[in-house]
Amino acid sequence: VTATDATAFGRNYFNRYSAPETEEDEFADERAEIMEEAAALKKLATDFMHPEVGVTATDATLFGRNYFNRYSAPETEDIEDAEEHACVLADAMALKKSAA
């Protein structure tokens, strides 16, 4: 007579045919790295195509007024233009004196 215990028999749930396939640790790590890189590339592509999406904070100091290029600002001359303007006026005055 042989006695068998019910706990002596077990079923291997990991190697059965209906078990889901498992990956090795190396492949799982590589898959995780690839997914991280893909997420980073997707974020960069989205930021490139829609730069307005990333702006979320607004601060009063972010908005400045350009007092030099506004329409109501007095016109300013470059140094070179001012020097040439002075030379032209000097030549005109010399011509006016010589004509009189």
N, C-alpha and C. Protein backbone atom coordinates (compact mmCIF):
# COMPACT_ATOMS: atom_id res chain seq x y z
N VAL A 1 0.86 -1.16 0.00
CA VAL A 1 0.00 0.00 0.00
C VAL A 1 0.91 1.23 0.00
N THR A 2 0.62 2.15 -0.92
CA THR A 2 1.39 3.39 -0.99
C THR A 2 0.46 4.56 -0.65
N ALA A 3 0.97 5.42 0.09
CA ALA A 3 0.20 6.60 0.47
C ALA A 3 0.76 7.80 -0.28
N THR A 4 -0.09 8.59 -0.83
CA THR A 4 0.34 9.81 -1.53
C THR A 4 -0.36 11.00 -0.89
N ASP A 5 0.39 12.02 -0.82
CA ASP A 5 -0.13 13.24 -0.23
C ASP A 5 -0.60 14.15 -1.36
N ALA A 6 -1.68 14.85 -1.19
CA ALA A 6 -2.23 15.74 -2.22
C ALA A 6 -1.31 16.92 -2.49
N THR A 7 -0.49 17.30 -1.51
CA THR A 7 0.40 18.44 -1.71
C THR A 7 1.67 18.04 -2.43
N ALA A 8 1.89 16.77 -2.69
CA ALA A 8 3.09 16.33 -3.38
C ALA A 8 3.01 16.60 -4.87
N PHE A 9 1.82 16.79 -5.39
CA PHE A 9 1.65 17.05 -6.81
C PHE A 9 1.37 18.54 -7.00
N GLY A 10 2.07 19.12 -7.92
CA GLY A 10 1.85 20.53 -8.19
C GLY A 10 1.85 20.77 -9.69
N ARG A 11 1.37 21.91 -10.06
CA ARG A 11 1.31 22.26 -11.47
C ARG A 11 2.23 23.45 -11.70
N ASN A 12 3.05 23.35 -12.74
CA ASN A 12 3.95 24.45 -13.07
C ASN A 12 3.19 25.42 -13.96
N TYR A 13 2.82 26.53 -13.38
CA TYR A 13 2.02 27.52 -14.12
C TYR A 13 2.88 28.37 -15.05
N PHE A 14 4.20 28.30 -14.95
CA PHE A 14 5.07 29.15 -15.75
C PHE A 14 5.51 28.49 -17.05
N ASN A 15 5.60 27.17 -17.10
CA ASN A 15 6.07 26.49 -18.30
C ASN A 15 4.97 25.77 -19.05
N ARG A 16 3.73 25.98 -18.70
CA ARG A 16 2.66 25.30 -19.42
C ARG A 16 2.45 25.98 -20.75
N TYR A 17 1.80 25.32 -21.66
CA TYR A 17 1.62 25.86 -23.01
C TYR A 17 0.70 27.08 -23.04
N SER A 18 -0.24 27.13 -22.15
CA SER A 18 -1.18 28.25 -22.16
C SER A 18 -0.68 29.45 -21.35
N ALA A 19 0.50 29.36 -20.77
CA ALA A 19 1.04 30.47 -19.98
C ALA A 19 1.48 31.59 -20.90
N PRO A 20 1.31 32.85 -20.47
CA PRO A 20 1.80 33.96 -21.31
C PRO A 20 3.33 33.92 -21.39
N GLU A 21 3.83 34.35 -22.52
CA GLU A 21 5.28 34.31 -22.72
C GLU A 21 5.95 35.33 -21.80
N THR A 22 7.08 34.96 -21.25
CA THR A 22 7.83 35.86 -20.39
C THR A 22 9.13 36.22 -21.07
N GLU A 23 9.62 37.42 -20.77
CA GLU A 23 10.87 37.88 -21.35
C GLU A 23 12.00 37.68 -20.36
N GLU A 24 13.17 37.59 -20.94
CA GLU A 24 14.35 37.54 -20.07
C GLU A 24 14.62 38.95 -19.55
N ASP A 25 15.40 39.03 -18.50
CA ASP A 25 15.68 40.33 -17.88
C ASP A 25 16.37 41.28 -18.84
N GLU A 26 17.29 40.78 -19.66
CA GLU A 26 18.01 41.64 -20.60
C GLU A 26 17.05 42.26 -21.61
N PHE A 27 16.13 41.44 -22.14
CA PHE A 27 15.19 41.96 -23.11
C PHE A 27 14.20 42.93 -22.47
N ALA A 28 13.81 42.65 -21.24
CA ALA A 28 12.89 43.55 -20.54
C ALA A 28 13.56 44.90 -20.28
N ASP A 29 14.83 44.90 -19.88
CA ASP A 29 15.55 46.16 -19.65
C ASP A 29 15.70 46.94 -20.95
N GLU A 30 16.04 46.23 -22.02
CA GLU A 30 16.21 46.90 -23.31
C GLU A 30 14.88 47.47 -23.80
N ARG A 31 13.80 46.73 -23.60
CA ARG A 31 12.48 47.22 -23.99
C ARG A 31 12.13 48.48 -23.19
N ALA A 32 12.44 48.51 -21.91
CA ALA A 32 12.17 49.69 -21.08
C ALA A 32 12.97 50.89 -21.56
N GLU A 33 14.23 50.69 -21.91
CA GLU A 33 15.06 51.79 -22.42
C GLU A 33 14.51 52.32 -23.74
N ILE A 34 14.08 51.41 -24.62
CA ILE A 34 13.53 51.82 -25.92
C ILE A 34 12.25 52.62 -25.71
N MET A 35 11.42 52.20 -24.78
CA MET A 35 10.18 52.92 -24.52
C MET A 35 10.46 54.31 -23.93
N GLU A 36 11.48 54.43 -23.09
CA GLU A 36 11.85 55.74 -22.54
C GLU A 36 12.35 56.66 -23.64
N GLU A 37 13.19 56.12 -24.55
CA GLU A 37 13.70 56.93 -25.66
C GLU A 37 12.56 57.35 -26.58
N ALA A 38 11.63 56.45 -26.84
CA ALA A 38 10.49 56.79 -27.70
C ALA A 38 9.63 57.87 -27.07
N ALA A 39 9.43 57.80 -25.76
CA ALA A 39 8.65 58.84 -25.08
C ALA A 39 9.36 60.18 -25.13
N ALA A 40 10.68 60.17 -24.97
CA ALA A 40 11.44 61.43 -25.04
C ALA A 40 11.39 62.02 -26.45
N LEU A 41 11.52 61.16 -27.47
CA LEU A 41 11.44 61.65 -28.85
C LEU A 41 10.05 62.19 -29.17
N LYS A 42 9.03 61.54 -28.65
CA LYS A 42 7.66 62.01 -28.88
C LYS A 42 7.47 63.37 -28.24
N LYS A 43 8.00 63.57 -27.03
CA LYS A 43 7.88 64.86 -26.36
C LYS A 43 8.62 65.94 -27.14
N LEU A 44 9.83 65.63 -27.64
CA LEU A 44 10.58 66.62 -28.43
C LEU A 44 9.85 66.97 -29.72
N ALA A 45 9.28 65.97 -30.38
CA ALA A 45 8.55 66.23 -31.61
C ALA A 45 7.31 67.09 -31.34
N THR A 46 6.63 66.82 -30.26
CA THR A 46 5.46 67.62 -29.90
C THR A 46 5.87 69.05 -29.56
N ASP A 47 6.96 69.21 -28.83
CA ASP A 47 7.45 70.55 -28.49
C ASP A 47 7.86 71.32 -29.74
N PHE A 48 8.43 70.61 -30.72
CA PHE A 48 8.87 71.28 -31.95
C PHE A 48 7.67 71.71 -32.78
N MET A 49 6.68 70.83 -32.91
CA MET A 49 5.53 71.14 -33.75
C MET A 49 4.57 72.14 -33.10
N HIS A 50 4.49 72.13 -31.78
CA HIS A 50 3.57 73.02 -31.07
C HIS A 50 4.32 73.70 -29.92
N PRO A 51 5.10 74.74 -30.21
CA PRO A 51 5.88 75.38 -29.14
C PRO A 51 4.99 76.11 -28.13
N GLU A 52 3.78 76.43 -28.52
CA GLU A 52 2.91 77.15 -27.59
C GLU A 52 2.36 76.26 -26.50
N VAL A 53 2.41 74.96 -26.66
CA VAL A 53 1.84 74.04 -25.68
C VAL A 53 2.64 74.05 -24.39
N GLY A 54 3.95 74.15 -24.47
CA GLY A 54 4.79 74.06 -23.28
C GLY A 54 4.71 75.24 -22.35
N VAL A 55 4.17 76.37 -22.79
CA VAL A 55 4.11 77.57 -21.96
C VAL A 55 2.89 77.47 -21.06
N THR A 56 3.14 77.36 -19.76
CA THR A 56 2.02 77.25 -18.82
C THR A 56 2.02 78.37 -17.81
N ALA A 57 3.16 78.91 -17.45
CA ALA A 57 3.22 79.93 -16.41
C ALA A 57 3.27 81.31 -17.06
N THR A 58 2.54 82.22 -16.49
CA THR A 58 2.61 83.60 -16.92
C THR A 58 2.95 84.45 -15.71
N ASP A 59 3.90 85.32 -15.89
CA ASP A 59 4.35 86.18 -14.82
C ASP A 59 4.36 87.61 -15.35
N ALA A 60 4.07 88.55 -14.52
CA ALA A 60 4.01 89.94 -14.96
C ALA A 60 5.36 90.42 -15.48
N THR A 61 6.44 89.84 -14.98
CA THR A 61 7.76 90.28 -15.42
C THR A 61 8.14 89.68 -16.77
N LEU A 62 7.35 88.74 -17.27
CA LEU A 62 7.65 88.16 -18.58
C LEU A 62 7.27 89.09 -19.72
N PHE A 63 6.34 89.97 -19.46
CA PHE A 63 5.87 90.86 -20.49
C PHE A 63 6.57 92.20 -20.34
N GLY A 64 7.31 92.58 -21.35
CA GLY A 64 8.00 93.85 -21.31
C GLY A 64 7.56 94.70 -22.48
N ARG A 65 7.83 95.96 -22.39
CA ARG A 65 7.47 96.86 -23.47
C ARG A 65 8.75 97.39 -24.10
N ASN A 66 8.80 97.32 -25.41
CA ASN A 66 9.96 97.83 -26.12
C ASN A 66 9.71 99.30 -26.40
N TYR A 67 10.40 100.16 -25.67
CA TYR A 67 10.19 101.59 -25.81
C TYR A 67 10.93 102.17 -27.01
N PHE A 68 11.74 101.38 -27.68
CA PHE A 68 12.53 101.91 -28.78
C PHE A 68 11.90 101.62 -30.13
N ASN A 69 11.13 100.56 -30.27
CA ASN A 69 10.56 100.20 -31.56
C ASN A 69 9.04 100.36 -31.61
N ARG A 70 8.45 100.97 -30.62
CA ARG A 70 7.01 101.15 -30.66
C ARG A 70 6.68 102.28 -31.64
N TYR A 71 5.43 102.34 -32.07
CA TYR A 71 5.03 103.32 -33.08
C TYR A 71 5.08 104.74 -32.56
N SER A 72 4.81 104.93 -31.28
CA SER A 72 4.78 106.28 -30.74
C SER A 72 6.16 106.77 -30.29
N ALA A 73 7.18 105.96 -30.43
CA ALA A 73 8.53 106.36 -30.02
C ALA A 73 9.10 107.35 -31.02
N PRO A 74 9.87 108.31 -30.54
CA PRO A 74 10.51 109.23 -31.49
C PRO A 74 11.53 108.48 -32.34
N GLU A 75 11.64 108.91 -33.59
CA GLU A 75 12.56 108.22 -34.48
C GLU A 75 14.00 108.48 -34.06
N THR A 76 14.80 107.46 -34.12
CA THR A 76 16.21 107.58 -33.76
C THR A 76 17.05 107.28 -34.98
N GLU A 77 18.22 107.89 -35.03
CA GLU A 77 19.12 107.67 -36.14
C GLU A 77 20.33 106.89 -35.66
N ASP A 78 20.89 106.10 -36.58
CA ASP A 78 22.15 105.45 -36.28
C ASP A 78 23.25 106.50 -36.28
N ILE A 79 24.37 106.17 -35.70
CA ILE A 79 25.50 107.11 -35.64
C ILE A 79 26.00 107.43 -37.04
N GLU A 80 26.09 106.41 -37.89
CA GLU A 80 26.56 106.63 -39.26
C GLU A 80 25.61 107.54 -40.02
N ASP A 81 24.30 107.30 -39.86
CA ASP A 81 23.32 108.15 -40.55
C ASP A 81 23.38 109.59 -40.04
N ALA A 82 23.57 109.75 -38.74
CA ALA A 82 23.65 111.10 -38.17
C ALA A 82 24.88 111.83 -38.69
N GLU A 83 26.01 111.12 -38.78
CA GLU A 83 27.22 111.76 -39.31
C GLU A 83 27.05 112.15 -40.77
N GLU A 84 26.43 111.27 -41.56
CA GLU A 84 26.22 111.59 -42.97
C GLU A 84 25.24 112.76 -43.11
N HIS A 85 24.24 112.78 -42.28
CA HIS A 85 23.27 113.88 -42.30
C HIS A 85 23.96 115.20 -41.99
N ALA A 86 24.87 115.19 -41.02
CA ALA A 86 25.61 116.42 -40.67
C ALA A 86 26.52 116.84 -41.83
N CYS A 87 27.15 115.89 -42.50
CA CYS A 87 28.00 116.22 -43.66
C CYS A 87 27.19 116.82 -44.80
N VAL A 88 26.03 116.27 -45.06
CA VAL A 88 25.17 116.79 -46.13
C VAL A 88 24.71 118.20 -45.80
N LEU A 89 24.34 118.43 -44.54
CA LEU A 89 23.93 119.78 -44.16
C LEU A 89 25.10 120.76 -44.26
N ALA A 90 26.30 120.33 -43.89
CA ALA A 90 27.48 121.20 -44.01
C ALA A 90 27.76 121.52 -45.47
N ASP A 91 27.64 120.52 -46.35
CA ASP A 91 27.86 120.78 -47.79
C ASP A 91 26.79 121.74 -48.34
N ALA A 92 25.56 121.58 -47.89
CA ALA A 92 24.49 122.47 -48.35
C ALA A 92 24.75 123.88 -47.89
N MET A 93 25.21 124.06 -46.64
CA MET A 93 25.52 125.41 -46.15
C MET A 93 26.68 126.01 -46.94
N ALA A 94 27.68 125.20 -47.27
CA ALA A 94 28.82 125.72 -48.06
C ALA A 94 28.37 126.13 -49.45
N LEU A 95 27.50 125.33 -50.08
CA LEU A 95 26.98 125.69 -51.40
C LEU A 95 26.13 126.96 -51.33
N LYS A 96 25.37 127.10 -50.25
CA LYS A 96 24.52 128.29 -50.10
C LYS A 96 25.38 129.55 -49.95
N LYS A 97 26.49 129.42 -49.18
CA LYS A 97 27.39 130.57 -49.02
C LYS A 97 28.08 130.92 -50.33
N SER A 98 28.50 129.92 -51.06
CA SER A 98 29.21 130.20 -52.32
C SER A 98 28.27 130.73 -53.38
N ALA A 99 27.00 130.39 -53.31
CA ALA A 99 26.02 130.88 -54.30
C ALA A 99 25.62 132.32 -53.97
N ALA A 100 25.74 132.74 -52.78
CA ALA A 100 25.29 134.08 -52.42
C ALA A 100 26.31 135.12 -52.58
